[in-house]
Amino acid sequence: MTLSTSNRAEPRPRAAQWPTLSRTVGTAFGSALALALLTCGCVFAALAGPALSLHTRTQALHQTLAGFPNTTKTVQASSTLAQVAGALQVSGNGQPGPVLSESALAQSTSDIARGLAALPLPLAGGNWAALSTNPLRVMAGAARSAYAQEPPQMEVVYRDPFTRYAQLVAGSYSSGQAPAGTVAVAATVPTAARFGLHPGSRLTLKTKSGPATLFVTAIIRVRDGGSTFWQQDTTVLRPALQQLTFTSPAYWIGGVIADPDQLAALQNVFGSTATSARAR
């Protein structure tokens, strides 16, 4: 009996391939997931970063503005009275002649308020308008306490509305009872004390066109003293001792407010070239 051996080789055991494939797929999935998470993180940072920065800057701006006085946070428009009157004449809202009427002044203030309200700004109410003269030297009528090294100076203003910011202490508003050719005015308690004023007092001011007379009808106490009505120009609130340089002479400067019916008288006595208009 002959025994023979087959020449066909026995198959060698082959390494398992599925675990390798699983590891490959698992690694790829993990990489894709990590990339997706990284991308989401970058997108979130890109979106949240500017928003957080804007919020932080807005907060900082609010905190900064909170430390400023009301006058710094006020929107205002200023011009000479001649320019305002001229613009009203062109637009057809003015009255014949140079005098700015109460209705025209109120209309101008309302127009400015509507224009500002149309802007994307958080503007609050409290509109008021003003006309004011330049500081003028007092020629007569002031007490000795108003004199320093130089004669005192006085500013005359008209503000609308006025009476809501003032409380009568003595006298009354003129209601058309002021002597002809004068401007009826009210003075705050500190101004009356410094200049020696009371109802019935007269002050004579020096202007380019000649003497102008103020007739005091009322002494007032301030209401809402922190408002822009009073803080925009504190000369009207209380007198101040002025000295332009170390070597120049010192002098007192104060202010009075024209009575509510004295808009035309203020313009007639001091002229449009001596007054400026302002709306807030």
C-alpha atoms as a PDB file:
ATOM      1  CA  MET A   1       0.000   0.000   0.000  1.00  0.00           C
ATOM      2  CA  THR A   2       1.310   3.243  -1.015  1.00  0.00           C
ATOM      3  CA  LEU A   3       0.680   6.356   1.095  1.00  0.00           C
ATOM      4  CA  SER A   4       0.744   9.767  -0.550  1.00  0.00           C
ATOM      5  CA  THR A   5       0.694  13.240   0.846  1.00  0.00           C
ATOM      6  CA  SER A   6      -1.222  16.046  -0.838  1.00  0.00           C
ATOM      7  CA  ASN A   7       0.825  18.949  -2.051  1.00  0.00           C
ATOM      8  CA  ARG A   8      -1.988  21.470  -1.372  1.00  0.00           C
ATOM      9  CA  ALA A   9      -0.967  23.650   1.492  1.00  0.00           C
ATOM     10  CA  GLU A  10      -3.228  24.050   4.402  1.00  0.00           C
ATOM     11  CA  PRO A  11      -4.846  27.483   4.491  1.00  0.00           C
ATOM     12  CA  ARG A  12      -3.144  29.830   6.958  1.00  0.00           C
ATOM     13  CA  PRO A  13      -5.267  31.503   9.559  1.00  0.00           C
ATOM     14  CA  ARG A  14      -6.108  35.106   8.379  1.00  0.00           C
ATOM     15  CA  ALA A  15      -6.104  37.983  10.754  1.00  0.00           C
ATOM     16  CA  ALA A  16      -9.509  39.252  11.682  1.00  0.00           C
ATOM     17  CA  GLN A  17     -10.457  42.416   9.623  1.00  0.00           C
ATOM     18  CA  TRP A  18     -13.710  43.603  11.287  1.00  0.00           C
ATOM     19  CA  PRO A  19     -12.157  44.946  14.453  1.00  0.00           C
ATOM     20  CA  THR A  20      -9.790  47.091  12.380  1.00  0.00           C
ATOM     21  CA  LEU A  21     -12.669  48.427  10.311  1.00  0.00           C
ATOM     22  CA  SER A  22     -14.618  49.231  13.479  1.00  0.00           C
ATOM     23  CA  ARG A  23     -11.680  51.086  14.917  1.00  0.00           C
ATOM     24  CA  THR A  24     -11.313  53.076  11.679  1.00  0.00           C
ATOM     25  CA  VAL A  25     -14.983  54.000  11.544  1.00  0.00           C
ATOM     26  CA  GLY A  26     -15.041  54.865  15.212  1.00  0.00           C
ATOM     27  CA  THR A  27     -12.035  57.150  14.866  1.00  0.00           C
ATOM     28  CA  ALA A  28     -13.549  58.915  11.854  1.00  0.00           C
ATOM     29  CA  PHE A  29     -16.867  59.455  13.632  1.00  0.00           C
ATOM     30  CA  GLY A  30     -15.119  60.815  16.700  1.00  0.00           C
ATOM     31  CA  SER A  31     -13.088  63.209  14.561  1.00  0.00           C
ATOM     32  CA  ALA A  32     -16.202  64.397  12.735  1.00  0.00           C
ATOM     33  CA  LEU A  33     -18.039  64.914  16.018  1.00  0.00           C
ATOM     34  CA  ALA A  34     -15.132  66.838  17.500  1.00  0.00           C
ATOM     35  CA  LEU A  35     -14.948  68.987  14.351  1.00  0.00           C
ATOM     36  CA  ALA A  36     -18.704  69.664  14.515  1.00  0.00           C
ATOM     37  CA  LEU A  37     -18.491  70.637  18.173  1.00  0.00           C
ATOM     38  CA  LEU A  38     -15.515  72.883  17.460  1.00  0.00           C
ATOM     39  CA  THR A  39     -17.382  74.522  14.586  1.00  0.00           C
ATOM     40  CA  CYS A  40     -20.455  75.112  16.764  1.00  0.00           C
ATOM     41  CA  GLY A  41     -18.245  76.566  19.447  1.00  0.00           C
ATOM     42  CA  CYS A  42     -16.598  78.925  16.979  1.00  0.00           C
ATOM     43  CA  VAL A  43     -19.979  80.029  15.578  1.00  0.00           C
ATOM     44  CA  PHE A  44     -21.319  80.625  19.081  1.00  0.00           C
ATOM     45  CA  ALA A  45     -18.238  82.613  20.005  1.00  0.00           C
ATOM     46  CA  ALA A  46     -18.511  84.613  16.791  1.00  0.00           C
ATOM     47  CA  LEU A  47     -22.141  85.460  17.525  1.00  0.00           C
ATOM     48  CA  ALA A  48     -22.008  85.849  21.291  1.00  0.00           C
ATOM     49  CA  GLY A  49     -18.736  87.778  21.376  1.00  0.00           C
ATOM     50  CA  PRO A  50     -19.939  90.941  19.580  1.00  0.00           C
ATOM     51  CA  ALA A  51     -23.281  90.817  21.413  1.00  0.00           C
ATOM     52  CA  LEU A  52     -21.543  90.573  24.783  1.00  0.00           C
ATOM     53  CA  SER A  53     -19.118  93.295  23.765  1.00  0.00           C
ATOM     54  CA  LEU A  54     -21.997  95.563  22.683  1.00  0.00           C
ATOM     55  CA  HIS A  55     -23.843  94.892  25.946  1.00  0.00           C
ATOM     56  CA  THR A  56     -20.724  95.654  27.954  1.00  0.00           C
ATOM     57  CA  ARG A  57     -20.080  98.874  26.038  1.00  0.00           C
ATOM     58  CA  THR A  58     -23.730  99.921  26.388  1.00  0.00           C
ATOM     59  CA  GLN A  59     -23.584  99.300  30.131  1.00  0.00           C
ATOM     60  CA  ALA A  60     -20.375 101.290  30.363  1.00  0.00           C
ATOM     61  CA  LEU A  61     -21.946 104.148  28.393  1.00  0.00           C
ATOM     62  CA  HIS A  62     -25.001 104.173  30.672  1.00  0.00           C
ATOM     63  CA  GLN A  63     -22.780 104.249  33.745  1.00  0.00           C
ATOM     64  CA  THR A  64     -20.692 107.069  32.272  1.00  0.00           C
ATOM     65  CA  LEU A  65     -23.740 109.144  31.309  1.00  0.00           C
ATOM     66  CA  ALA A  66     -25.288 108.571  34.723  1.00  0.00           C
ATOM     67  CA  GLY A  67     -22.420 110.520  36.240  1.00  0.00           C
ATOM     68  CA  PHE A  68     -22.963 113.538  33.971  1.00  0.00           C
ATOM     69  CA  PRO A  69     -25.298 116.430  34.844  1.00  0.00           C
ATOM     70  CA  ASN A  70     -28.637 116.709  33.039  1.00  0.00           C
ATOM     71  CA  THR A  71     -27.332 119.544  30.875  1.00  0.00           C
ATOM     72  CA  THR A  72     -24.753 117.204  29.299  1.00  0.00           C
ATOM     73  CA  LYS A  73     -27.469 114.701  28.384  1.00  0.00           C
ATOM     74  CA  THR A  74     -29.757 117.328  26.813  1.00  0.00           C
ATOM     75  CA  VAL A  75     -30.344 117.845  23.102  1.00  0.00           C
ATOM     76  CA  GLN A  76     -30.705 121.517  22.275  1.00  0.00           C
ATOM     77  CA  ALA A  77     -30.886 123.829  19.291  1.00  0.00           C
ATOM     78  CA  SER A  78     -29.527 127.372  19.499  1.00  0.00           C
ATOM     79  CA  SER A  79     -29.575 130.332  17.145  1.00  0.00           C
ATOM     80  CA  THR A  80     -29.806 134.097  17.114  1.00  0.00           C
ATOM     81  CA  LEU A  81     -33.294 135.514  17.333  1.00  0.00           C
ATOM     82  CA  ALA A  82     -32.839 137.242  13.982  1.00  0.00           C
ATOM     83  CA  GLN A  83     -32.109 133.902  12.289  1.00  0.00           C
ATOM     84  CA  VAL A  84     -35.098 132.222  13.924  1.00  0.00           C
ATOM     85  CA  ALA A  85     -37.443 135.057  12.971  1.00  0.00           C
ATOM     86  CA  GLY A  86     -36.088 135.021   9.424  1.00  0.00           C
ATOM     87  CA  ALA A  87     -36.627 131.275   9.084  1.00  0.00           C
ATOM     88  CA  LEU A  88     -40.189 131.595  10.364  1.00  0.00           C
ATOM     89  CA  GLN A  89     -40.897 134.338   7.851  1.00  0.00           C
ATOM     90  CA  VAL A  90     -39.636 132.142   5.021  1.00  0.00           C
ATOM     91  CA  SER A  91     -41.669 129.150   6.190  1.00  0.00           C
ATOM     92  CA  GLY A  92     -44.799 131.253   6.551  1.00  0.00           C
ATOM     93  CA  ASN A  93     -45.176 130.658  10.297  1.00  0.00           C
ATOM     94  CA  GLY A  94     -43.949 134.036  11.500  1.00  0.00           C
ATOM     95  CA  GLN A  95     -45.720 137.280  12.147  1.00  0.00           C
ATOM     96  CA  PRO A  96     -45.133 140.515  10.221  1.00  0.00           C
ATOM     97  CA  GLY A  97     -42.198 142.452  11.639  1.00  0.00           C
ATOM     98  CA  PRO A  98     -39.224 141.340  13.739  1.00  0.00           C
ATOM     99  CA  VAL A  99     -41.164 140.287  16.863  1.00  0.00           C
ATOM    100  CA  LEU A 100     -41.368 136.547  17.507  1.00  0.00           C
ATOM    101  CA  SER A 101     -44.868 135.760  18.768  1.00  0.00           C
ATOM    102  CA  GLU A 102     -45.663 133.306  21.536  1.00  0.00           C
ATOM    103  CA  SER A 103     -47.532 131.047  19.103  1.00  0.00           C
ATOM    104  CA  ALA A 104     -44.621 131.011  16.658  1.00  0.00           C
ATOM    105  CA  LEU A 105     -42.180 130.200  19.463  1.00  0.00           C
ATOM    106  CA  ALA A 106     -44.422 127.378  20.684  1.00  0.00           C
ATOM    107  CA  GLN A 107     -44.767 126.032  17.138  1.00  0.00           C
ATOM    108  CA  SER A 108     -40.989 126.074  16.634  1.00  0.00           C
ATOM    109  CA  THR A 109     -40.438 124.208  19.908  1.00  0.00           C
ATOM    110  CA  SER A 110     -43.058 121.630  18.935  1.00  0.00           C
ATOM    111  CA  ASP A 111     -41.500 121.148  15.483  1.00  0.00           C
ATOM    112  CA  ILE A 112     -38.058 120.561  16.991  1.00  0.00           C
ATOM    113  CA  ALA A 113     -39.496 118.076  19.489  1.00  0.00           C
ATOM    114  CA  ARG A 114     -41.247 116.124  16.723  1.00  0.00           C
ATOM    115  CA  GLY A 115     -38.083 116.062  14.638  1.00  0.00           C
ATOM    116  CA  LEU A 116     -36.026 114.710  17.528  1.00  0.00           C
ATOM    117  CA  ALA A 117     -38.711 112.160  18.413  1.00  0.00           C
ATOM    118  CA  ALA A 118     -38.373 110.677  14.921  1.00  0.00           C
ATOM    119  CA  LEU A 119     -34.723 109.816  15.603  1.00  0.00           C
ATOM    120  CA  PRO A 120     -33.774 106.419  17.084  1.00  0.00           C
ATOM    121  CA  LEU A 121     -32.770 108.043  20.369  1.00  0.00           C
ATOM    122  CA  PRO A 122     -34.329 107.556  23.819  1.00  0.00           C
ATOM    123  CA  LEU A 123     -35.304 111.201  24.290  1.00  0.00           C
ATOM    124  CA  ALA A 124     -37.422 112.195  27.260  1.00  0.00           C
ATOM    125  CA  GLY A 125     -39.934 114.992  27.495  1.00  0.00           C
ATOM    126  CA  GLY A 126     -39.535 118.359  29.175  1.00  0.00           C
ATOM    127  CA  ASN A 127     -39.337 120.695  26.179  1.00  0.00           C
ATOM    128  CA  TRP A 128     -38.870 124.374  26.874  1.00  0.00           C
ATOM    129  CA  ALA A 129     -37.700 127.371  24.894  1.00  0.00           C
ATOM    130  CA  ALA A 130     -35.676 130.419  25.874  1.00  0.00           C
ATOM    131  CA  LEU A 131     -34.631 133.842  24.669  1.00  0.00           C
ATOM    132  CA  SER A 132     -31.771 135.582  26.417  1.00  0.00           C
ATOM    133  CA  THR A 133     -29.798 138.796  26.186  1.00  0.00           C
ATOM    134  CA  ASN A 134     -26.067 139.142  26.487  1.00  0.00           C
ATOM    135  CA  PRO A 135     -24.903 140.195  29.969  1.00  0.00           C
ATOM    136  CA  LEU A 136     -25.458 143.956  30.252  1.00  0.00           C
ATOM    137  CA  ARG A 137     -23.922 146.402  32.689  1.00  0.00           C
ATOM    138  CA  VAL A 138     -26.201 147.711  35.432  1.00  0.00           C
ATOM    139  CA  MET A 139     -26.260 151.520  35.358  1.00  0.00           C
ATOM    140  CA  ALA A 140     -28.630 152.135  38.282  1.00  0.00           C
ATOM    141  CA  GLY A 141     -30.953 150.438  40.745  1.00  0.00           C
ATOM    142  CA  ALA A 142     -28.704 147.753  42.257  1.00  0.00           C
ATOM    143  CA  ALA A 143     -27.755 147.662  45.955  1.00  0.00           C
ATOM    144  CA  ARG A 144     -24.182 148.222  47.110  1.00  0.00           C
ATOM    145  CA  SER A 145     -23.888 144.489  47.803  1.00  0.00           C
ATOM    146  CA  ALA A 146     -23.981 143.916  44.031  1.00  0.00           C
ATOM    147  CA  TYR A 147     -20.845 145.985  43.449  1.00  0.00           C
ATOM    148  CA  ALA A 148     -17.330 144.565  43.538  1.00  0.00           C
ATOM    149  CA  GLN A 149     -14.360 146.090  41.731  1.00  0.00           C
ATOM    150  CA  GLU A 150     -16.557 146.724  38.687  1.00  0.00           C
ATOM    151  CA  PRO A 151     -20.276 147.506  38.338  1.00  0.00           C
ATOM    152  CA  PRO A 152     -22.493 144.421  38.167  1.00  0.00           C
ATOM    153  CA  GLN A 153     -23.916 142.884  35.012  1.00  0.00           C
ATOM    154  CA  MET A 154     -27.369 141.447  34.416  1.00  0.00           C
ATOM    155  CA  GLU A 155     -28.763 138.934  31.932  1.00  0.00           C
ATOM    156  CA  VAL A 156     -32.454 138.982  30.977  1.00  0.00           C
ATOM    157  CA  VAL A 157     -34.095 135.772  29.797  1.00  0.00           C
ATOM    158  CA  TYR A 158     -37.516 134.638  28.666  1.00  0.00           C
ATOM    159  CA  ARG A 159     -38.394 130.969  29.188  1.00  0.00           C
ATOM    160  CA  ASP A 160     -41.498 129.053  28.264  1.00  0.00           C
ATOM    161  CA  PRO A 161     -42.976 127.394  30.226  1.00  0.00           C
ATOM    162  CA  PHE A 162     -41.864 129.393  33.256  1.00  0.00           C
ATOM    163  CA  THR A 163     -44.403 129.321  36.074  1.00  0.00           C
ATOM    164  CA  ARG A 164     -44.254 125.530  36.566  1.00  0.00           C
ATOM    165  CA  TYR A 165     -40.593 125.913  37.594  1.00  0.00           C
ATOM    166  CA  ALA A 166     -41.174 128.792  40.032  1.00  0.00           C
ATOM    167  CA  GLN A 167     -43.059 129.516  43.242  1.00  0.00           C
ATOM    168  CA  LEU A 168     -44.075 133.073  44.073  1.00  0.00           C
ATOM    169  CA  VAL A 169     -42.605 134.441  47.289  1.00  0.00           C
ATOM    170  CA  ALA A 170     -43.574 138.092  46.861  1.00  0.00           C
ATOM    171  CA  GLY A 171     -45.434 140.146  44.278  1.00  0.00           C
ATOM    172  CA  SER A 172     -47.086 138.705  41.168  1.00  0.00           C
ATOM    173  CA  TYR A 173     -46.511 138.310  37.463  1.00  0.00           C
ATOM    174  CA  SER A 174     -47.186 141.475  35.500  1.00  0.00           C
ATOM    175  CA  SER A 175     -50.324 140.548  33.494  1.00  0.00           C
ATOM    176  CA  GLY A 176     -49.697 143.588  31.313  1.00  0.00           C
ATOM    177  CA  GLN A 177     -49.409 146.018  34.249  1.00  0.00           C
ATOM    178  CA  ALA A 178     -45.722 146.954  33.786  1.00  0.00           C
ATOM    179  CA  PRO A 179     -44.920 150.602  33.011  1.00  0.00           C
ATOM    180  CA  ALA A 180     -44.654 151.385  29.321  1.00  0.00           C
ATOM    181  CA  GLY A 181     -41.198 150.945  27.840  1.00  0.00           C
ATOM    182  CA  THR A 182     -40.032 148.541  30.548  1.00  0.00           C
ATOM    183  CA  VAL A 183     -39.650 144.773  30.740  1.00  0.00           C
ATOM    184  CA  ALA A 184     -41.440 143.143  33.691  1.00  0.00           C
ATOM    185  CA  VAL A 185     -39.216 140.555  35.342  1.00  0.00           C
ATOM    186  CA  ALA A 186     -39.041 138.122  38.243  1.00  0.00           C
ATOM    187  CA  ALA A 187     -35.932 137.489  40.353  1.00  0.00           C
ATOM    188  CA  THR A 188     -34.975 134.468  42.405  1.00  0.00           C
ATOM    189  CA  VAL A 189     -34.472 134.875  46.152  1.00  0.00           C
ATOM    190  CA  PRO A 190     -30.622 134.792  45.909  1.00  0.00           C
ATOM    191  CA  THR A 191     -30.655 137.346  43.065  1.00  0.00           C
ATOM    192  CA  ALA A 192     -33.008 139.636  44.982  1.00  0.00           C
ATOM    193  CA  ALA A 193     -30.775 139.437  48.047  1.00  0.00           C
ATOM    194  CA  ARG A 194     -27.581 140.271  46.158  1.00  0.00           C
ATOM    195  CA  PHE A 195     -29.034 143.096  44.035  1.00  0.00           C
ATOM    196  CA  GLY A 196     -31.435 144.444  46.667  1.00  0.00           C
ATOM    197  CA  LEU A 197     -34.574 143.793  44.606  1.00  0.00           C
ATOM    198  CA  HIS A 198     -38.258 143.680  45.610  1.00  0.00           C
ATOM    199  CA  PRO A 199     -41.546 144.069  43.753  1.00  0.00           C
ATOM    200  CA  GLY A 200     -41.515 147.570  42.327  1.00  0.00           C
ATOM    201  CA  SER A 201     -37.718 147.827  41.991  1.00  0.00           C
ATOM    202  CA  ARG A 202     -36.237 149.169  38.763  1.00  0.00           C
ATOM    203  CA  LEU A 203     -32.904 148.315  37.179  1.00  0.00           C
ATOM    204  CA  THR A 204     -31.375 150.327  34.362  1.00  0.00           C
ATOM    205  CA  LEU A 205     -29.137 148.415  31.977  1.00  0.00           C
ATOM    206  CA  LYS A 206     -26.716 149.757  29.410  1.00  0.00           C
ATOM    207  CA  THR A 207     -27.371 148.646  25.816  1.00  0.00           C
ATOM    208  CA  LYS A 208     -25.955 149.719  22.464  1.00  0.00           C
ATOM    209  CA  SER A 209     -29.159 151.587  21.673  1.00  0.00           C
ATOM    210  CA  GLY A 210     -29.352 153.337  25.061  1.00  0.00           C
ATOM    211  CA  PRO A 211     -30.610 152.616  28.597  1.00  0.00           C
ATOM    212  CA  ALA A 212     -33.142 149.803  29.107  1.00  0.00           C
ATOM    213  CA  THR A 213     -35.315 149.555  32.211  1.00  0.00           C
ATOM    214  CA  LEU A 214     -36.373 146.395  34.037  1.00  0.00           C
ATOM    215  CA  PHE A 215     -39.384 146.508  36.346  1.00  0.00           C
ATOM    216  CA  VAL A 216     -39.378 143.828  39.065  1.00  0.00           C
ATOM    217  CA  THR A 217     -42.856 142.402  39.697  1.00  0.00           C
ATOM    218  CA  ALA A 218     -42.101 139.175  41.572  1.00  0.00           C
ATOM    219  CA  ILE A 219     -39.604 137.364  43.776  1.00  0.00           C
ATOM    220  CA  ILE A 220     -39.638 133.610  43.223  1.00  0.00           C
ATOM    221  CA  ARG A 221     -38.362 130.427  44.791  1.00  0.00           C
ATOM    222  CA  VAL A 222     -37.006 127.763  42.470  1.00  0.00           C
ATOM    223  CA  ARG A 223     -38.904 124.544  41.779  1.00  0.00           C
ATOM    224  CA  ASP A 224     -37.044 121.487  40.480  1.00  0.00           C
ATOM    225  CA  GLY A 225     -33.679 123.203  40.827  1.00  0.00           C
ATOM    226  CA  GLY A 226     -31.814 120.235  39.331  1.00  0.00           C
ATOM    227  CA  SER A 227     -33.657 120.427  36.011  1.00  0.00           C
ATOM    228  CA  THR A 228     -32.050 121.754  32.844  1.00  0.00           C
ATOM    229  CA  PHE A 229     -34.450 124.700  33.048  1.00  0.00           C
ATOM    230  CA  TRP A 230     -32.312 126.074  35.879  1.00  0.00           C
ATOM    231  CA  GLN A 231     -29.003 124.280  35.430  1.00  0.00           C
ATOM    232  CA  GLN A 232     -28.446 125.190  31.779  1.00  0.00           C
ATOM    233  CA  ASP A 233     -27.657 128.759  32.819  1.00  0.00           C
ATOM    234  CA  THR A 234     -27.130 129.078  36.556  1.00  0.00           C
ATOM    235  CA  THR A 235     -26.654 132.838  36.276  1.00  0.00           C
ATOM    236  CA  VAL A 236     -30.443 133.137  36.462  1.00  0.00           C
ATOM    237  CA  LEU A 237     -30.543 130.792  39.444  1.00  0.00           C
ATOM    238  CA  ARG A 238     -28.036 132.669  41.610  1.00  0.00           C
ATOM    239  CA  PRO A 239     -25.519 135.500  41.068  1.00  0.00           C
ATOM    240  CA  ALA A 240     -21.823 134.690  40.698  1.00  0.00           C
ATOM    241  CA  LEU A 241     -18.656 136.699  41.223  1.00  0.00           C
ATOM    242  CA  GLN A 242     -16.722 136.803  37.955  1.00  0.00           C
ATOM    243  CA  GLN A 243     -13.052 137.523  37.311  1.00  0.00           C
ATOM    244  CA  LEU A 244     -11.859 136.813  33.792  1.00  0.00           C
ATOM    245  CA  THR A 245      -8.136 136.791  34.676  1.00  0.00           C
ATOM    246  CA  PHE A 246      -6.061 137.052  37.843  1.00  0.00           C
ATOM    247  CA  THR A 247      -5.367 140.716  37.120  1.00  0.00           C
ATOM    248  CA  SER A 248      -8.795 141.765  35.802  1.00  0.00           C
ATOM    249  CA  PRO A 249     -11.342 143.412  38.139  1.00  0.00           C
ATOM    250  CA  ALA A 250     -14.049 141.247  39.696  1.00  0.00           C
ATOM    251  CA  TYR A 251     -17.759 141.925  39.212  1.00  0.00           C
ATOM    252  CA  TRP A 252     -21.070 140.313  40.116  1.00  0.00           C
ATOM    253  CA  ILE A 253     -23.254 138.874  37.359  1.00  0.00           C
ATOM    254  CA  GLY A 254     -26.874 137.842  37.797  1.00  0.00           C
ATOM    255  CA  GLY A 255     -29.992 137.162  35.806  1.00  0.00           C
ATOM    256  CA  VAL A 256     -33.732 137.788  35.888  1.00  0.00           C
ATOM    257  CA  ILE A 257     -36.595 136.101  34.039  1.00  0.00           C
ATOM    258  CA  ALA A 258     -39.118 138.052  32.022  1.00  0.00           C
ATOM    259  CA  ASP A 259     -42.732 137.565  33.100  1.00  0.00           C
ATOM    260  CA  PRO A 260     -44.799 135.175  30.975  1.00  0.00           C
ATOM    261  CA  ASP A 261     -46.445 137.965  28.934  1.00  0.00           C
ATOM    262  CA  GLN A 262     -43.209 139.865  28.235  1.00  0.00           C
ATOM    263  CA  LEU A 263     -41.920 138.082  25.096  1.00  0.00           C
ATOM    264  CA  ALA A 264     -42.763 141.007  22.811  1.00  0.00           C
ATOM    265  CA  ALA A 265     -41.536 143.597  25.326  1.00  0.00           C
ATOM    266  CA  LEU A 266     -38.191 141.814  25.664  1.00  0.00           C
ATOM    267  CA  GLN A 267     -37.658 141.942  21.918  1.00  0.00           C
ATOM    268  CA  ASN A 268     -38.859 145.519  21.581  1.00  0.00           C
ATOM    269  CA  VAL A 269     -36.593 146.826  24.336  1.00  0.00           C
ATOM    270  CA  PHE A 270     -33.432 144.855  23.593  1.00  0.00           C
ATOM    271  CA  GLY A 271     -33.817 144.202  19.877  1.00  0.00           C
ATOM    272  CA  SER A 272     -33.334 140.983  17.921  1.00  0.00           C
ATOM    273  CA  THR A 273     -29.580 141.540  17.584  1.00  0.00           C
ATOM    274  CA  ALA A 274     -29.113 141.426  21.372  1.00  0.00           C
ATOM    275  CA  THR A 275     -30.957 138.209  22.012  1.00  0.00           C
ATOM    276  CA  SER A 276     -30.455 134.534  21.232  1.00  0.00           C
ATOM    277  CA  ALA A 277     -33.059 131.786  20.976  1.00  0.00           C
ATOM    278  CA  ARG A 278     -32.703 128.257  22.309  1.00  0.00           C
ATOM    279  CA  ALA A 279     -34.980 125.234  22.378  1.00  0.00           C
ATOM    280  CA  ARG A 280     -34.573 122.016  24.405  1.00  0.00           C
END
